[in-house]
Amino acid sequence: MTLFFSCKSTKTGIDDLSITELENKVSKKLMIFKAESALPLLSTATMQVNSALLTRRGDSPSRIMLSGKDNLKIVGDSAIAKLPFYGEIRVADYNYGKESSITFENAYSDFSITNKKGKRIILKFDVEAHDDSYDVMLEVYPNKSANLTITGTKRTQMRYMGNVTFYESVQAIEED
């Protein structure tokens, strides 16, 4: 007698969206990305500093767990971000000592949405801040997990992992 077993995981979860539903929700431009972890671009100097400063369990120089208050909001034609920065500032001026996080609240430009092989939606845009310019790329998956990559003109690249919540109105985002 021969028995065959198959160990295949399911491809979709209960709350997963179809790629069309996901694309429709992203195109409404009413969402919040909540960062759960930061993944800095590692150089030797960044690794040494992060190793010395990180004391919480689960943190490492290449992956830093976040508190859940760090986010990127996309509301219509504007982007609002408050995200920690653990990389290197490449071009410094005297204003950099005041605020090291990635912070902006401005209208964005060059907005695009791309469906990548029916597996994820990639949203890209550029945004100006008072101290830097950023290229932003948000990869959103049907299970609402997401990866955010922010590249500044004066800083090393930062990646964040987290989840996206979609909203039906601007008022609903403001209440959250």
Foldseek 3Di string as FASTA:
>chain_A
DDDDDDDDDDPDDPQFDFLVVVVVLVVQQFKKWFFQKKAFDDDPVLQVVCVVPDDDPPDHSGIGGDDRPFIWGGAPQWIWGWAADSFDFADDDPVCVPDVTDTAIGGWPPWDWDCDVRFWIKIWTWDDHPVWIWTWIWIAGRSQKIKIWIPTPGTGIMITTGGMDGDDHPVVSVVD
